Amino acid sequence: MLSFITWTVNPELLHLGVLTVRWYGLMWALGFLIGYAVEERIYKRENMPEGAMDKLFLFMVGFTIVGARVGHCFFYEWDYFSHHLFEVLYIWKGGLSSHGGAFGILLGLFIFSRVIKKNYIWVLDRVVIAVALCGACIRLGNLFNHEIYGDPTSMPWAFSFMLHPLSPATTAFSEPSHPTQIYEALYCLITFAVLMFLYWRTNARNHKGLIFGIFLIGVFLSRYLLEFIKRPQEDFEASMLLNVGQLLSLPFVLLGVFLLVRVLLRWRRRQPEVAVKANAMVAGLCLFFVLVMAAPLLSRVGAAHATPKNAPNLAVKPTMSASQTMDYISKSQFVSDCGVQMHVNANGIYVENKKVTKGVNVIPSVDNGQYYLLAPGVDGGFYHYLLRTYQGGVSVLLNLDDQRGNYGGRQ
């Protein structure tokens, strides 16, 4: 059995002239298209007027993308975007938040419910079925992007992700880690299956808020639990008891619980004989969600046995002394996936011509061609980097404090 899976899929699917098609964008589009087909069947069953689906599609696409982008910029990188507001429009540079998308959907559907003159909860009970399926597609897009993955683990299904996926020739790989993108995709699919069953095989659609409440618990409780084994998306989250994703998930989980309790109390008043069975069904469903979603947390014990993996087909250079290493990297220009440039010399590290450290110490490791860089930050903290050098003057600088802050370079 394989000890882990080395994930080498290129995020870019194909190039059409100046246009680049990426797996991430394709999965978003696929999610919307399949979701459209699901909702179209539902709206036909509800005898909705012609044209309602087209309006719903436009509201969903527009408000989801805008909400996801604004949510990412506001919740995760406000320090930067508060001084670069125009760059909020640069969606092609990446940065979309699922919670921001959720807020966008809620706002868009509120306006949509007024346009079609339907109850807001009625609209939500039906649209979230497709949203759960779309969420699975988006998480698979994150998998293709080699992003938002979990802590190191020695479990056999662990993935070793590319740390510089847009430059495969200069990349290195993460420690074998939890593929949390797949976990979330599976939980979204489970939630989708449960909601489809409730809508088509039961009368749950006649109880306002029931389907919507189960959706909120299925999707956002899973997100809350999985954050415990995810790597922080931003540096500031490392010191937080609950990270941004968890804090934003809690209100949705509580709303879901409120909606379920409201439905159960209504049943208890109107149909006492049905309430007992309903309570048991909902309690069993929630317990199922919790047990399935908590399963990956049990595998955290394997994290200590994880080992790094070098990039394939690249032989490391002969060992250099600390002074030779500093001379070597001083002549290199490091560039991240998003185009941020870094330069390193004995005086410090410079990112986009701005100094972020005040001196760099090079410490050779026991592994040939691998060196540790300890850099005191101007803010009083420390930066810990690992330099991996390969044949042909290729090198990769890995930020050990944040696996997303990695730079590939060439002399």
Protein backbone atom coordinates (compact mmCIF):
# COMPACT_ATOMS: atom_id res chain seq x y z
CA MET A 1 0.00 0.00 0.00
CA LEU A 2 1.26 3.49 -0.83
CA SER A 3 2.35 5.54 2.16
CA PHE A 4 0.97 8.68 0.52
CA ILE A 5 -0.08 10.08 -2.85
CA THR A 6 2.14 12.57 -4.71
CA TRP A 7 -0.29 15.03 -6.34
CA THR A 8 1.34 16.43 -9.50
CA VAL A 9 -1.67 17.62 -11.52
CA ASN A 10 -1.02 20.99 -13.19
CA PRO A 11 -3.63 23.61 -12.14
CA GLU A 12 -3.67 24.85 -15.76
CA LEU A 13 -5.75 22.56 -17.96
CA LEU A 14 -4.96 24.08 -21.35
CA HIS A 15 -3.95 27.27 -23.16
CA LEU A 16 -6.05 28.84 -25.92
CA GLY A 17 -3.88 31.63 -27.27
CA VAL A 18 -3.64 34.23 -24.52
CA LEU A 19 -6.45 32.53 -22.60
CA THR A 20 -5.56 30.00 -19.92
CA VAL A 21 -8.20 27.53 -18.75
CA ARG A 22 -7.62 26.31 -15.20
CA TRP A 23 -9.18 23.34 -13.45
CA TYR A 24 -10.44 25.63 -10.69
CA GLY A 25 -12.48 27.78 -13.07
CA LEU A 26 -13.73 24.68 -14.89
CA MET A 27 -14.97 23.15 -11.61
CA TRP A 28 -16.80 26.37 -10.73
CA ALA A 29 -18.49 26.34 -14.15
CA LEU A 30 -19.32 22.65 -13.85
CA GLY A 31 -20.85 23.21 -10.43
CA PHE A 32 -23.11 25.97 -11.75
CA LEU A 33 -24.18 23.93 -14.80
CA ILE A 34 -25.03 20.78 -12.84
CA GLY A 35 -26.72 22.89 -10.17
CA TYR A 36 -28.80 24.54 -12.89
CA ALA A 37 -29.99 21.14 -14.11
CA VAL A 38 -30.95 20.08 -10.56
CA GLU A 39 -32.86 23.29 -9.86
CA GLU A 40 -34.59 23.15 -13.23
CA ARG A 41 -36.15 19.80 -12.31
CA ILE A 42 -37.24 21.19 -8.94
CA TYR A 43 -38.76 24.32 -10.46
CA LYS A 44 -40.65 22.26 -13.01
CA ARG A 45 -42.14 20.19 -10.18
CA GLU A 46 -43.14 23.41 -8.42
CA ASN A 47 -44.77 24.71 -11.63
CA MET A 48 -42.71 27.87 -11.55
CA PRO A 49 -43.28 30.33 -14.42
CA GLU A 50 -41.05 30.22 -17.48
CA GLY A 51 -37.96 32.37 -17.11
CA ALA A 52 -37.69 31.96 -13.32
CA MET A 53 -34.70 29.62 -13.69
CA ASP A 54 -32.82 32.03 -15.94
CA LYS A 55 -33.29 34.80 -13.36
CA LEU A 56 -32.18 32.45 -10.57
CA PHE A 57 -29.06 31.45 -12.50
CA LEU A 58 -28.03 35.06 -13.09
CA PHE A 59 -28.58 36.01 -9.44
CA MET A 60 -26.67 32.95 -8.20
CA VAL A 61 -23.64 33.39 -10.47
CA GLY A 62 -23.32 37.14 -9.96
CA PHE A 63 -23.85 37.30 -6.20
CA THR A 64 -21.82 34.15 -5.49
CA ILE A 65 -18.70 35.39 -7.30
CA VAL A 66 -18.94 38.93 -5.97
CA GLY A 67 -19.63 37.72 -2.44
CA ALA A 68 -16.80 35.17 -2.54
CA ARG A 69 -14.29 37.74 -3.76
CA VAL A 70 -15.32 40.52 -1.38
CA GLY A 71 -15.47 38.03 1.49
CA HIS A 72 -11.90 36.87 0.88
CA CYS A 73 -10.56 40.42 0.62
CA PHE A 74 -12.43 41.59 3.73
CA PHE A 75 -12.07 38.56 6.03
CA TYR A 76 -8.60 37.32 5.10
CA GLU A 77 -6.50 40.09 3.51
CA TRP A 78 -8.08 43.38 4.54
CA ASP A 79 -4.72 44.83 5.62
CA TYR A 80 -3.59 44.63 2.00
CA PHE A 81 -6.80 45.36 0.11
CA SER A 82 -7.71 48.32 2.32
CA HIS A 83 -4.81 50.08 0.58
CA HIS A 84 -5.42 48.49 -2.85
CA LEU A 85 -9.20 48.62 -3.20
CA PHE A 86 -9.14 48.47 -7.00
CA GLU A 87 -7.42 45.07 -6.86
CA VAL A 88 -10.55 43.58 -5.30
CA LEU A 89 -11.70 43.35 -8.93
CA TYR A 90 -8.68 41.19 -9.91
CA ILE A 91 -10.50 37.87 -9.54
CA TRP A 92 -8.04 36.13 -11.90
CA LYS A 93 -5.29 36.55 -9.29
CA GLY A 94 -7.15 34.18 -6.97
CA GLY A 95 -8.74 34.60 -3.58
CA LEU A 96 -12.36 33.49 -3.12
CA SER A 97 -14.03 32.79 0.21
CA SER A 98 -16.77 30.17 0.58
CA HIS A 99 -18.26 32.12 3.49
CA GLY A 100 -18.26 35.28 1.40
CA GLY A 101 -19.99 33.33 -1.35
CA ALA A 102 -22.59 32.15 1.18
CA PHE A 103 -23.33 35.72 2.28
CA GLY A 104 -23.56 36.72 -1.39
CA ILE A 105 -26.01 33.90 -2.10
CA LEU A 106 -28.20 34.87 0.87
CA LEU A 107 -28.37 38.48 -0.31
CA GLY A 108 -28.93 37.57 -3.95
CA LEU A 109 -31.71 35.10 -3.14
CA PHE A 110 -33.44 37.62 -0.88
CA ILE A 111 -33.68 39.99 -3.84
CA PHE A 112 -34.64 37.10 -6.13
CA SER A 113 -37.48 36.05 -3.78
CA ARG A 114 -38.92 39.56 -4.06
CA VAL A 115 -38.67 39.46 -7.85
CA ILE A 116 -40.58 36.15 -8.18
CA LYS A 117 -42.86 36.96 -5.22
CA LYS A 118 -42.05 33.83 -3.21
CA ASN A 119 -41.28 33.36 0.47
CA TYR A 120 -37.55 33.76 1.18
CA ILE A 121 -37.25 30.47 3.12
CA TRP A 122 -39.18 28.67 0.35
CA VAL A 123 -36.52 29.79 -2.12
CA LEU A 124 -33.66 28.80 0.20
CA ASP A 125 -35.10 25.33 0.89
CA ARG A 126 -34.88 24.53 -2.80
CA VAL A 127 -31.75 26.27 -3.97
CA VAL A 128 -29.45 24.87 -1.27
CA ILE A 129 -29.83 21.40 -2.79
CA ALA A 130 -27.90 22.58 -5.84
CA VAL A 131 -25.55 24.70 -3.71
CA ALA A 132 -24.37 21.59 -1.83
CA LEU A 133 -23.44 19.93 -5.13
CA CYS A 134 -21.75 23.09 -6.40
CA GLY A 135 -19.73 23.25 -3.17
CA ALA A 136 -18.31 19.78 -3.87
CA CYS A 137 -17.13 20.92 -7.32
CA ILE A 138 -15.46 24.03 -5.88
CA ARG A 139 -13.55 21.98 -3.30
CA LEU A 140 -12.28 19.72 -6.06
CA GLY A 141 -11.10 22.91 -7.76
CA ASN A 142 -9.06 23.66 -4.63
CA LEU A 143 -7.55 20.18 -4.93
CA PHE A 144 -6.40 20.90 -8.49
CA ASN A 145 -4.95 24.21 -7.24
CA HIS A 146 -2.87 22.44 -4.55
CA GLU A 147 -4.37 24.76 -1.92
CA ILE A 148 -6.32 24.76 1.37
CA TYR A 149 -5.06 21.37 2.48
CA GLY A 150 -4.59 19.94 5.95
CA ASP A 151 -1.94 19.22 8.53
CA PRO A 152 0.77 16.61 7.97
CA THR A 153 -0.28 13.00 8.52
CA SER A 154 1.09 9.52 7.96
CA MET A 155 -2.28 8.07 6.94
CA PRO A 156 -2.08 6.12 3.63
CA TRP A 157 -4.48 8.48 1.83
CA ALA A 158 -2.30 11.54 2.57
CA PHE A 159 -1.45 13.82 -0.37
CA SER A 160 1.92 15.47 -0.99
CA PHE A 161 1.03 18.74 -2.73
CA MET A 162 3.15 20.87 -5.05
CA LEU A 163 4.34 24.00 -3.26
CA HIS A 164 4.92 25.94 -6.46
CA PRO A 165 2.32 24.38 -8.80
CA LEU A 166 2.47 27.02 -11.55
CA SER A 167 6.20 26.41 -12.00
CA PRO A 168 6.49 22.59 -11.98
CA ALA A 169 10.17 22.68 -12.96
CA THR A 170 11.14 24.52 -9.76
CA THR A 171 8.65 23.12 -7.32
CA ALA A 172 9.02 21.05 -4.20
CA PHE A 173 6.38 19.12 -2.33
CA SER A 174 4.65 19.50 1.02
CA GLU A 175 4.78 16.91 3.74
CA PRO A 176 2.14 14.20 3.21
CA SER A 177 -0.99 16.00 4.42
CA HIS A 178 -4.71 15.56 4.91
CA PRO A 179 -6.51 16.16 1.57
CA THR A 180 -9.17 18.26 3.29
CA GLN A 181 -10.46 19.41 -0.10
CA ILE A 182 -11.61 15.82 -0.75
CA TYR A 183 -13.09 15.54 2.75
CA GLU A 184 -15.19 18.67 2.22
CA ALA A 185 -16.23 17.58 -1.26
CA LEU A 186 -17.46 14.26 0.17
CA TYR A 187 -19.40 16.00 2.95
CA CYS A 188 -21.03 18.28 0.40
CA LEU A 189 -22.00 15.22 -1.68
CA ILE A 190 -23.43 13.47 1.40
CA THR A 191 -25.42 16.60 2.24
CA PHE A 192 -26.63 16.82 -1.37
CA ALA A 193 -27.80 13.17 -1.29
CA VAL A 194 -29.65 13.71 2.01
CA LEU A 195 -31.37 16.86 0.74
CA MET A 196 -32.37 15.23 -2.55
CA PHE A 197 -33.91 12.32 -0.63
CA LEU A 198 -35.79 14.68 1.70
CA TYR A 199 -37.13 16.78 -1.17
CA TRP A 200 -38.14 14.01 -3.60
CA ARG A 201 -39.05 11.12 -1.24
CA THR A 202 -40.59 12.89 1.77
CA ASN A 203 -42.78 15.90 2.47
CA ALA A 204 -39.88 17.85 3.97
CA ARG A 205 -40.30 20.49 1.25
CA ASN A 206 -43.62 21.45 2.85
CA HIS A 207 -41.97 22.34 6.16
CA LYS A 208 -40.29 25.71 5.70
CA GLY A 209 -36.71 25.81 6.90
CA LEU A 210 -36.21 22.06 7.36
CA ILE A 211 -34.13 21.44 4.23
CA PHE A 212 -32.27 24.73 4.61
CA GLY A 213 -31.47 23.96 8.26
CA ILE A 214 -30.07 20.51 7.46
CA PHE A 215 -27.97 22.04 4.68
CA LEU A 216 -26.46 24.58 7.08
CA ILE A 217 -25.53 21.89 9.60
CA GLY A 218 -24.19 19.48 6.96
CA VAL A 219 -21.97 21.99 5.19
CA PHE A 220 -20.88 24.42 7.88
CA LEU A 221 -20.50 21.99 10.79
CA SER A 222 -18.21 19.92 8.56
CA ARG A 223 -16.26 23.08 7.70
CA TYR A 224 -15.99 24.00 11.39
CA LEU A 225 -14.62 20.58 12.38
CA LEU A 226 -12.24 20.27 9.44
CA GLU A 227 -10.60 23.60 10.27
CA PHE A 228 -8.99 21.83 13.24
CA ILE A 229 -6.83 19.81 10.83
CA LYS A 230 -6.36 22.50 8.17
CA ARG A 231 -3.29 24.66 7.77
CA PRO A 232 -4.02 28.37 8.39
CA GLN A 233 -5.00 30.28 5.26
CA GLU A 234 -3.38 33.44 6.60
CA ASP A 235 -0.47 34.02 9.00
CA PHE A 236 -2.56 35.83 11.63
CA GLU A 237 -4.77 32.74 12.10
CA ALA A 238 -1.93 30.67 13.56
CA SER A 239 -2.36 32.26 17.00
CA MET A 240 -6.18 32.15 17.05
CA LEU A 241 -8.13 29.68 19.21
CA LEU A 242 -10.77 29.47 16.46
CA ASN A 243 -9.72 30.63 13.01
CA VAL A 244 -11.68 32.88 10.65
CA GLY A 245 -13.32 29.94 8.86
CA GLN A 246 -14.62 28.55 12.16
CA LEU A 247 -15.85 31.91 13.45
CA LEU A 248 -17.74 32.48 10.22
CA SER A 249 -19.17 28.94 10.23
CA LEU A 250 -20.63 29.10 13.75
CA PRO A 251 -23.48 31.54 12.92
CA PHE A 252 -24.58 29.31 10.03
CA VAL A 253 -24.52 26.19 12.25
CA LEU A 254 -26.53 27.96 14.97
CA LEU A 255 -29.05 29.17 12.38
CA GLY A 256 -29.40 25.60 11.11
CA VAL A 257 -30.03 24.30 14.63
CA PHE A 258 -32.60 27.07 15.22
CA LEU A 259 -34.49 26.19 12.03
CA LEU A 260 -34.57 22.47 12.91
CA VAL A 261 -35.78 23.13 16.46
CA ARG A 262 -38.48 25.45 15.12
CA VAL A 263 -39.76 22.77 12.74
CA LEU A 264 -39.72 20.11 15.48
CA LEU A 265 -41.64 22.35 17.91
CA ARG A 266 -44.21 23.02 15.20
CA TRP A 267 -44.63 19.28 14.65
CA ARG A 268 -44.95 18.72 18.38
CA ARG A 269 -47.83 21.18 18.63
CA ARG A 270 -49.71 20.00 15.53
CA GLN A 271 -48.84 16.30 15.29
CA PRO A 272 -47.57 14.91 18.63
CA GLU A 273 -47.52 11.35 17.30
CA VAL A 274 -45.25 12.36 14.42
CA ALA A 275 -42.94 14.48 16.56
CA VAL A 276 -41.28 11.50 18.28
CA LYS A 277 -40.32 9.90 14.97
CA ALA A 278 -39.24 13.27 13.57
CA ASN A 279 -37.04 13.97 16.59
CA ALA A 280 -35.38 10.58 16.26
CA MET A 281 -34.83 11.05 12.53
CA VAL A 282 -33.28 14.49 12.85
CA ALA A 283 -31.16 13.51 15.87
CA GLY A 284 -29.90 10.45 14.00
CA LEU A 285 -29.13 12.54 10.94
CA CYS A 286 -27.16 15.11 12.96
CA LEU A 287 -25.27 12.34 14.79
CA PHE A 288 -24.39 10.77 11.44
CA PHE A 289 -23.00 14.09 10.19
CA VAL A 290 -20.92 14.60 13.34
CA LEU A 291 -19.45 11.08 13.34
CA VAL A 292 -18.55 11.12 9.65
CA MET A 293 -17.10 14.62 9.79
CA ALA A 294 -15.08 13.92 12.95
CA ALA A 295 -13.37 10.85 11.45
CA PRO A 296 -10.34 12.71 9.99
CA LEU A 297 -9.65 14.31 13.37
CA LEU A 298 -8.79 10.87 14.76
CA SER A 299 -5.90 10.53 12.30
CA ARG A 300 -4.00 13.55 13.64
CA VAL A 301 -1.88 11.17 15.73
CA GLY A 302 0.01 10.23 12.58
CA ALA A 303 1.35 13.71 11.93
CA ALA A 304 4.66 13.17 13.74
CA HIS A 305 5.66 10.40 11.32
CA ALA A 306 5.26 12.48 8.15
CA THR A 307 8.40 13.09 6.07
CA PRO A 308 9.17 15.74 3.42
CA LYS A 309 9.50 14.78 -0.23
CA ASN A 310 11.79 16.50 -2.76
CA ALA A 311 10.71 17.37 -6.27
CA PRO A 312 10.95 14.40 -8.68
CA ASN A 313 13.54 14.10 -11.46
CA LEU A 314 15.81 16.79 -10.03
CA ALA A 315 19.17 15.84 -8.49
CA VAL A 316 20.42 18.04 -5.66
CA LYS A 317 23.65 19.99 -6.04
CA PRO A 318 26.77 19.10 -4.01
CA THR A 319 26.83 20.43 -0.47
CA MET A 320 27.95 24.05 -0.14
CA SER A 321 29.23 25.90 2.90
CA ALA A 322 27.07 28.53 4.60
CA SER A 323 29.02 31.37 2.94
CA GLN A 324 28.80 29.70 -0.48
CA THR A 325 25.07 29.21 0.00
CA MET A 326 24.54 32.87 0.86
CA ASP A 327 26.58 33.90 -2.18
CA TYR A 328 24.51 31.53 -4.30
CA ILE A 329 21.08 32.75 -3.19
CA SER A 330 22.17 36.41 -3.29
CA LYS A 331 22.43 36.00 -7.06
CA SER A 332 18.98 34.42 -7.32
CA GLN A 333 15.62 36.08 -7.84
CA PHE A 334 12.76 34.23 -6.16
CA VAL A 335 9.19 34.62 -7.46
CA SER A 336 5.96 33.26 -5.93
CA ASP A 337 3.01 31.86 -7.88
CA CYS A 338 1.19 35.18 -7.68
CA GLY A 339 4.20 37.10 -8.99
CA VAL A 340 5.59 38.50 -5.71
CA GLN A 341 9.37 38.90 -5.97
CA MET A 342 11.84 38.17 -3.18
CA HIS A 343 15.57 38.82 -2.92
CA VAL A 344 17.81 37.42 -0.18
CA ASN A 345 21.29 38.53 0.93
CA ALA A 346 23.30 38.58 4.16
CA ASN A 347 21.62 41.83 5.26
CA GLY A 348 18.09 40.48 5.10
CA ILE A 349 15.13 39.44 2.97
CA TYR A 350 13.44 41.92 0.66
CA VAL A 351 9.91 41.33 -0.68
CA GLU A 352 8.79 43.69 -3.43
CA ASN A 353 11.74 45.97 -2.53
CA LYS A 354 10.56 46.18 1.09
CA LYS A 355 12.81 44.79 3.80
CA VAL A 356 11.07 42.26 6.05
CA THR A 357 14.06 40.91 8.01
CA LYS A 358 17.34 42.23 9.43
CA GLY A 359 19.94 39.59 8.71
CA VAL A 360 19.93 35.97 7.58
CA ASN A 361 21.75 33.02 9.16
CA VAL A 362 22.37 29.97 6.96
CA ILE A 363 22.42 26.57 8.70
CA PRO A 364 23.33 23.50 6.57
CA SER A 365 21.07 20.50 7.18
CA VAL A 366 22.03 16.84 7.27
CA ASP A 367 20.41 16.40 3.85
CA ASN A 368 22.58 17.11 0.83
CA GLY A 369 21.58 20.30 -0.97
CA GLN A 370 19.24 21.48 1.79
CA TYR A 371 19.80 24.51 4.05
CA TYR A 372 17.85 26.28 6.79
CA LEU A 373 17.58 30.07 6.84
CA LEU A 374 16.81 31.81 10.13
CA ALA A 375 15.84 35.44 9.61
CA PRO A 376 14.93 37.82 12.50
CA GLY A 377 11.99 39.96 11.37
CA VAL A 378 11.88 43.73 11.69
CA ASP A 379 8.66 43.22 13.69
CA GLY A 380 10.49 41.25 16.38
CA GLY A 381 9.43 37.78 15.18
CA PHE A 382 11.38 35.21 13.18
CA TYR A 383 11.12 33.81 9.65
CA HIS A 384 12.15 30.18 9.16
CA TYR A 385 12.95 29.09 5.60
CA LEU A 386 14.23 25.92 4.01
CA LEU A 387 16.34 26.31 0.85
CA ARG A 388 16.36 23.34 -1.52
CA THR A 389 18.78 23.50 -4.44
CA TYR A 390 18.70 21.39 -7.56
CA GLN A 391 20.82 20.88 -10.65
CA GLY A 392 20.90 23.61 -13.28
CA GLY A 393 20.80 26.50 -10.79
CA VAL A 394 17.21 25.81 -9.77
CA SER A 395 16.22 26.48 -6.18
CA VAL A 396 13.07 26.67 -4.08
CA LEU A 397 12.70 28.73 -0.91
CA LEU A 398 10.10 27.26 1.44
CA ASN A 399 8.52 29.21 4.28
CA LEU A 400 8.39 26.72 7.14
CA ASP A 401 5.96 28.90 9.11
CA ASP A 402 3.44 29.06 6.28
CA GLN A 403 3.43 26.41 3.54
CA ARG A 404 1.66 28.79 1.16
CA GLY A 405 4.55 31.31 1.24
CA ASN A 406 6.91 29.54 -1.15
CA TYR A 407 9.10 30.94 -3.88
CA GLY A 408 10.78 29.32 -6.87
CA GLY A 409 13.91 30.93 -8.35
CA ARG A 410 16.68 30.63 -10.89
CA GLN A 411 20.00 32.37 -11.19
